[in-house]
């Protein structure tokens, strides 16, 4: 989990994601240089530069 700032919101408005909240996740992940995004909804985040994992996949991958 990462903090959210106004720049993330502005960058999210510039993304081509179908959902604004998904755009916020991508913008924040870029800012903090995340290694991946963990989400229950991989379908809506398909067009992003990060590997996607469901919570179950993340547990198997990282534990």
PDB file of N, CA and C in Angstrom:
ATOM      1  N   UNK A   1       0.842  -1.171   0.000  1.00  0.00           N
ATOM      2  CA  UNK A   1       0.000   0.000   0.000  1.00  0.00           C
ATOM      3  C   UNK A   1       0.891   1.239   0.000  1.00  0.00           C
ATOM      4  N   UNK A   2       0.498   2.234  -0.752  1.00  0.00           N
ATOM      5  CA  UNK A   2       1.282   3.459  -0.859  1.00  0.00           C
ATOM      6  C   UNK A   2       0.395   4.671  -0.592  1.00  0.00           C
ATOM      7  N   UNK A   3       1.036   5.752  -0.225  1.00  0.00           N
ATOM      8  CA  UNK A   3       0.296   6.992  -0.033  1.00  0.00           C
ATOM      9  C   UNK A   3      -0.145   7.549  -1.381  1.00  0.00           C
ATOM     10  N   UNK A   4      -1.139   8.373  -1.347  1.00  0.00           N
ATOM     11  CA  UNK A   4      -1.697   8.989  -2.550  1.00  0.00           C
ATOM     12  C   UNK A   4      -1.482  10.493  -2.448  1.00  0.00           C
ATOM     13  N   UNK A   5      -1.090  11.114  -3.559  1.00  0.00           N
ATOM     14  CA  UNK A   5      -0.965  12.572  -3.530  1.00  0.00           C
ATOM     15  C   UNK A   5      -1.658  13.179  -4.746  1.00  0.00           C
ATOM     16  N   UNK A   6      -1.739  14.485  -4.767  1.00  0.00           N
ATOM     17  CA  UNK A   6      -2.478  15.183  -5.819  1.00  0.00           C
ATOM     18  C   UNK A   6      -1.866  14.937  -7.198  1.00  0.00           C
ATOM     19  N   UNK A   7      -0.564  14.766  -7.263  1.00  0.00           N
ATOM     20  CA  UNK A   7       0.062  14.477  -8.555  1.00  0.00           C
ATOM     21  C   UNK A   7      -0.414  13.142  -9.124  1.00  0.00           C
ATOM     22  N   UNK A   8      -0.612  12.153  -8.244  1.00  0.00           N
ATOM     23  CA  UNK A   8      -1.124  10.866  -8.699  1.00  0.00           C
ATOM     24  C   UNK A   8      -2.513  11.027  -9.316  1.00  0.00           C
ATOM     25  N   UNK A   9      -3.322  11.860  -8.703  1.00  0.00           N
ATOM     26  CA  UNK A   9      -4.671  12.084  -9.224  1.00  0.00           C
ATOM     27  C   UNK A   9      -4.600  12.765 -10.589  1.00  0.00           C
ATOM     28  N   UNK A  10      -3.753  13.763 -10.721  1.00  0.00           N
ATOM     29  CA  UNK A  10      -3.606  14.441 -12.006  1.00  0.00           C
ATOM     30  C   UNK A  10      -3.096  13.492 -13.084  1.00  0.00           C
ATOM     31  N   UNK A  11      -2.113  12.653 -12.749  1.00  0.00           N
ATOM     32  CA  UNK A  11      -1.588  11.684 -13.717  1.00  0.00           C
ATOM     33  C   UNK A  11      -2.654  10.653 -14.078  1.00  0.00           C
ATOM     34  N   UNK A  12      -3.482  10.265 -13.116  1.00  0.00           N
ATOM     35  CA  UNK A  12      -4.545   9.293 -13.377  1.00  0.00           C
ATOM     36  C   UNK A  12      -5.530   9.819 -14.409  1.00  0.00           C
ATOM     37  N   UNK A  13      -5.766  11.103 -14.384  1.00  0.00           N
ATOM     38  CA  UNK A  13      -6.673  11.706 -15.361  1.00  0.00           C
ATOM     39  C   UNK A  13      -6.116  11.623 -16.777  1.00  0.00           C
ATOM     40  N   UNK A  14      -4.797  11.491 -16.895  1.00  0.00           N
ATOM     41  CA  UNK A  14      -4.141  11.420 -18.203  1.00  0.00           C
ATOM     42  C   UNK A  14      -4.036   9.991 -18.750  1.00  0.00           C
ATOM     43  N   UNK A  15      -4.328   8.987 -17.921  1.00  0.00           N
ATOM     44  CA  UNK A  15      -4.193   7.595 -18.368  1.00  0.00           C
ATOM     45  C   UNK A  15      -5.380   7.200 -19.236  1.00  0.00           C
ATOM     46  N   UNK A  16      -5.215   6.099 -19.940  1.00  0.00           N
ATOM     47  CA  UNK A  16      -6.286   5.574 -20.793  1.00  0.00           C
ATOM     48  C   UNK A  16      -6.974   4.377 -20.161  1.00  0.00           C
ATOM     49  N   UNK A  17      -7.132   4.410 -18.854  1.00  0.00           N
ATOM     50  CA  UNK A  17      -7.791   3.298 -18.180  1.00  0.00           C
ATOM     51  C   UNK A  17      -9.298   3.520 -18.174  1.00  0.00           C
ATOM     52  N   UNK A  18     -10.055   2.424 -18.214  1.00  0.00           N
ATOM     53  CA  UNK A  18     -11.510   2.566 -18.225  1.00  0.00           C
ATOM     54  C   UNK A  18     -12.081   3.024 -16.882  1.00  0.00           C
ATOM     55  N   UNK A  19     -11.273   2.946 -15.830  1.00  0.00           N
ATOM     56  CA  UNK A  19     -11.756   3.273 -14.493  1.00  0.00           C
ATOM     57  C   UNK A  19     -10.770   4.238 -13.824  1.00  0.00           C
ATOM     58  N   UNK A  20     -11.263   5.329 -13.286  1.00  0.00           N
ATOM     59  CA  UNK A  20     -10.409   6.346 -12.679  1.00  0.00           C
ATOM     60  C   UNK A  20      -9.574   5.786 -11.536  1.00  0.00           C
ATOM     61  N   UNK A  21     -10.170   4.948 -10.688  1.00  0.00           N
ATOM     62  CA  UNK A  21      -9.433   4.371  -9.562  1.00  0.00           C
ATOM     63  C   UNK A  21      -8.269   3.504 -10.042  1.00  0.00           C
ATOM     64  N   UNK A  22      -8.467   2.803 -11.150  1.00  0.00           N
ATOM     65  CA  UNK A  22      -7.370   2.014 -11.724  1.00  0.00           C
ATOM     66  C   UNK A  22      -6.246   2.933 -12.189  1.00  0.00           C
ATOM     67  N   UNK A  23      -6.609   4.064 -12.757  1.00  0.00           N
ATOM     68  CA  UNK A  23      -5.611   5.046 -13.164  1.00  0.00           C
ATOM     69  C   UNK A  23      -4.806   5.569 -11.984  1.00  0.00           C
ATOM     70  N   UNK A  24      -5.470   5.752 -10.857  1.00  0.00           N
ATOM     71  CA  UNK A  24      -4.772   6.179  -9.640  1.00  0.00           C
ATOM     72  C   UNK A  24      -3.778   5.112  -9.203  1.00  0.00           C
ATOM     73  N   UNK A  25      -4.185   3.851  -9.255  1.00  0.00           N
ATOM     74  CA  UNK A  25      -3.268   2.769  -8.871  1.00  0.00           C
ATOM     75  C   UNK A  25      -2.030   2.765  -9.758  1.00  0.00           C
ATOM     76  N   UNK A  26      -2.214   2.905 -11.051  1.00  0.00           N
ATOM     77  CA  UNK A  26      -1.092   2.896 -11.987  1.00  0.00           C
ATOM     78  C   UNK A  26      -0.187   4.105 -11.754  1.00  0.00           C
ATOM     79  N   UNK A  27      -0.776   5.291 -11.606  1.00  0.00           N
ATOM     80  CA  UNK A  27       0.018   6.501 -11.394  1.00  0.00           C
ATOM     81  C   UNK A  27       0.816   6.418 -10.094  1.00  0.00           C
ATOM     82  N   UNK A  28       0.200   5.933  -9.047  1.00  0.00           N
ATOM     83  CA  UNK A  28       0.898   5.801  -7.768  1.00  0.00           C
ATOM     84  C   UNK A  28       2.003   4.761  -7.858  1.00  0.00           C
ATOM     85  N   UNK A  29       1.726   3.649  -8.520  1.00  0.00           N
ATOM     86  CA  UNK A  29       2.737   2.599  -8.683  1.00  0.00           C
ATOM     87  C   UNK A  29       3.950   3.124  -9.451  1.00  0.00           C
ATOM     88  N   UNK A  30       3.702   3.944 -10.474  1.00  0.00           N
ATOM     89  CA  UNK A  30       4.820   4.529 -11.223  1.00  0.00           C
ATOM     90  C   UNK A  30       5.647   5.439 -10.325  1.00  0.00           C
ATOM     91  N   UNK A  31       4.974   6.266  -9.538  1.00  0.00           N
ATOM     92  CA  UNK A  31       5.689   7.229  -8.688  1.00  0.00           C
ATOM     93  C   UNK A  31       6.561   6.526  -7.659  1.00  0.00           C
ATOM     94  N   UNK A  32       6.063   5.471  -7.063  1.00  0.00           N
ATOM     95  CA  UNK A  32       6.840   4.797  -6.014  1.00  0.00           C
ATOM     96  C   UNK A  32       7.762   3.723  -6.579  1.00  0.00           C
ATOM     97  N   UNK A  33       7.751   3.585  -7.918  1.00  0.00           N
ATOM     98  CA  UNK A  33       8.581   2.575  -8.591  1.00  0.00           C
ATOM     99  C   UNK A  33       8.264   1.170  -8.079  1.00  0.00           C
ATOM    100  N   UNK A  34       6.983   0.849  -8.092  1.00  0.00           N
ATOM    101  CA  UNK A  34       6.522  -0.459  -7.623  1.00  0.00           C
ATOM    102  C   UNK A  34       7.037  -1.571  -8.522  1.00  0.00           C
ATOM    103  N   UNK A  35       7.155  -2.742  -7.964  1.00  0.00           N
ATOM    104  CA  UNK A  35       7.561  -3.923  -8.731  1.00  0.00           C
ATOM    105  C   UNK A  35       6.371  -4.593  -9.398  1.00  0.00           C
ATOM    106  N   UNK A  36       5.189  -4.412  -8.825  1.00  0.00           N
ATOM    107  CA  UNK A  36       3.981  -5.051  -9.357  1.00  0.00           C
ATOM    108  C   UNK A  36       2.759  -4.374  -8.760  1.00  0.00           C
ATOM    109  N   UNK A  37       1.586  -4.777  -9.262  1.00  0.00           N
ATOM    110  CA  UNK A  37       0.313  -4.344  -8.689  1.00  0.00           C
ATOM    111  C   UNK A  37      -0.445  -5.589  -8.297  1.00  0.00           C
ATOM    112  N   UNK A  38      -0.963  -5.586  -7.087  1.00  0.00           N
ATOM    113  CA  UNK A  38      -1.798  -6.685  -6.603  1.00  0.00           C
ATOM    114  C   UNK A  38      -3.236  -6.197  -6.616  1.00  0.00           C
ATOM    115  N   UNK A  39      -4.089  -6.936  -7.319  1.00  0.00           N
ATOM    116  CA  UNK A  39      -5.471  -6.511  -7.506  1.00  0.00           C
ATOM    117  C   UNK A  39      -6.383  -7.716  -7.657  1.00  0.00           C
ATOM    118  N   UNK A  40      -7.630  -7.538  -7.331  1.00  0.00           N
ATOM    119  CA  UNK A  40      -8.627  -8.588  -7.572  1.00  0.00           C
ATOM    120  C   UNK A  40      -9.226  -8.460  -8.974  1.00  0.00           C
ATOM    121  N   UNK A  41      -8.915  -7.363  -9.656  1.00  0.00           N
ATOM    122  CA  UNK A  41      -9.510  -7.098 -10.960  1.00  0.00           C
ATOM    123  C   UNK A  41      -8.418  -6.878 -12.006  1.00  0.00           C
ATOM    124  N   UNK A  42      -7.756  -7.932 -12.407  1.00  0.00           N
ATOM    125  CA  UNK A  42      -6.653  -7.830 -13.361  1.00  0.00           C
ATOM    126  C   UNK A  42      -7.124  -7.366 -14.741  1.00  0.00           C
ATOM    127  N   UNK A  43      -8.349  -7.685 -15.088  1.00  0.00           N
ATOM    128  CA  UNK A  43      -8.863  -7.358 -16.420  1.00  0.00           C
ATOM    129  C   UNK A  43      -8.802  -5.857 -16.710  1.00  0.00           C
ATOM    130  N   UNK A  44      -9.189  -5.033 -15.750  1.00  0.00           N
ATOM    131  CA  UNK A  44      -9.213  -3.585 -15.975  1.00  0.00           C
ATOM    132  C   UNK A  44      -7.828  -2.949 -15.952  1.00  0.00           C
ATOM    133  N   UNK A  45      -6.822  -3.675 -15.492  1.00  0.00           N
ATOM    134  CA  UNK A  45      -5.474  -3.123 -15.406  1.00  0.00           C
ATOM    135  C   UNK A  45      -4.532  -3.749 -16.425  1.00  0.00           C
ATOM    136  N   UNK A  46      -5.058  -4.397 -17.441  1.00  0.00           N
ATOM    137  CA  UNK A  46      -4.231  -5.103 -18.415  1.00  0.00           C
ATOM    138  C   UNK A  46      -3.234  -4.195 -19.133  1.00  0.00           C
ATOM    139  N   UNK A  47      -3.613  -2.992 -19.441  1.00  0.00           N
ATOM    140  CA  UNK A  47      -2.741  -2.078 -20.195  1.00  0.00           C
ATOM    141  C   UNK A  47      -1.955  -1.182 -19.254  1.00  0.00           C
ATOM    142  N   UNK A  48      -1.014  -1.773 -18.532  1.00  0.00           N
ATOM    143  CA  UNK A  48      -0.162  -0.998 -17.645  1.00  0.00           C
ATOM    144  C   UNK A  48       1.226  -1.615 -17.674  1.00  0.00           C
ATOM    145  N   UNK A  49       2.241  -0.888 -17.225  1.00  0.00           N
ATOM    146  CA  UNK A  49       3.619  -1.394 -17.334  1.00  0.00           C
ATOM    147  C   UNK A  49       4.051  -2.350 -16.221  1.00  0.00           C
ATOM    148  N   UNK A  50       3.149  -2.746 -15.340  1.00  0.00           N
ATOM    149  CA  UNK A  50       3.513  -3.556 -14.187  1.00  0.00           C
ATOM    150  C   UNK A  50       2.960  -4.974 -14.283  1.00  0.00           C
ATOM    151  N   UNK A  51       3.698  -5.951 -13.753  1.00  0.00           N
ATOM    152  CA  UNK A  51       3.121  -7.289 -13.628  1.00  0.00           C
ATOM    153  C   UNK A  51       1.924  -7.221 -12.677  1.00  0.00           C
ATOM    154  N   UNK A  52       0.899  -7.992 -12.983  1.00  0.00           N
ATOM    155  CA  UNK A  52      -0.306  -8.017 -12.159  1.00  0.00           C
ATOM    156  C   UNK A  52      -0.424  -9.360 -11.453  1.00  0.00           C
ATOM    157  N   UNK A  53      -0.842  -9.315 -10.200  1.00  0.00           N
ATOM    158  CA  UNK A  53      -1.082 -10.517  -9.426  1.00  0.00           C
ATOM    159  C   UNK A  53      -2.387 -10.372  -8.657  1.00  0.00           C
ATOM    160  N   UNK A  54      -3.141 -11.453  -8.574  1.00  0.00           N
ATOM    161  CA  UNK A  54      -4.255 -11.471  -7.631  1.00  0.00           C
ATOM    162  C   UNK A  54      -3.640 -11.661  -6.248  1.00  0.00           C
ATOM    163  N   UNK A  55      -4.389 -11.407  -5.179  1.00  0.00           N
ATOM    164  CA  UNK A  55      -3.820 -11.653  -3.843  1.00  0.00           C
ATOM    165  C   UNK A  55      -3.331 -13.096  -3.676  1.00  0.00           C
ATOM    166  N   UNK A  56      -4.079 -14.032  -4.206  1.00  0.00           N
ATOM    167  CA  UNK A  56      -3.690 -15.436  -4.094  1.00  0.00           C
ATOM    168  C   UNK A  56      -2.389 -15.710  -4.846  1.00  0.00           C
ATOM    169  N   UNK A  57      -2.268 -15.145  -6.039  1.00  0.00           N
ATOM    170  CA  UNK A  57      -1.046 -15.317  -6.821  1.00  0.00           C
ATOM    171  C   UNK A  57       0.150 -14.665  -6.129  1.00  0.00           C
ATOM    172  N   UNK A  58      -0.063 -13.506  -5.528  1.00  0.00           N
ATOM    173  CA  UNK A  58       1.015 -12.809  -4.839  1.00  0.00           C
ATOM    174  C   UNK A  58       1.524 -13.626  -3.655  1.00  0.00           C
ATOM    175  N   UNK A  59       0.613 -14.222  -2.918  1.00  0.00           N
ATOM    176  CA  UNK A  59       1.026 -15.043  -1.775  1.00  0.00           C
ATOM    177  C   UNK A  59       1.879 -16.218  -2.262  1.00  0.00           C
ATOM    178  N   UNK A  60       1.444 -16.873  -3.320  1.00  0.00           N
ATOM    179  CA  UNK A  60       2.215 -17.992  -3.861  1.00  0.00           C
ATOM    180  C   UNK A  60       3.558 -17.527  -4.414  1.00  0.00           C
ATOM    181  N   UNK A  61       3.594 -16.369  -5.053  1.00  0.00           N
ATOM    182  CA  UNK A  61       4.806 -15.851  -5.687  1.00  0.00           C
ATOM    183  C   UNK A  61       5.835 -15.369  -4.677  1.00  0.00           C
ATOM    184  N   UNK A  62       5.376 -14.707  -3.634  1.00  0.00           N
ATOM    185  CA  UNK A  62       6.291 -13.997  -2.750  1.00  0.00           C
ATOM    186  C   UNK A  62       6.493 -14.634  -1.370  1.00  0.00           C
ATOM    187  N   UNK A  63       5.715 -15.632  -1.053  1.00  0.00           N
ATOM    188  CA  UNK A  63       5.866 -16.279   0.272  1.00  0.00           C
ATOM    189  C   UNK A  63       6.496 -17.648   0.109  1.00  0.00           C
TER     190      UNK A  63
END
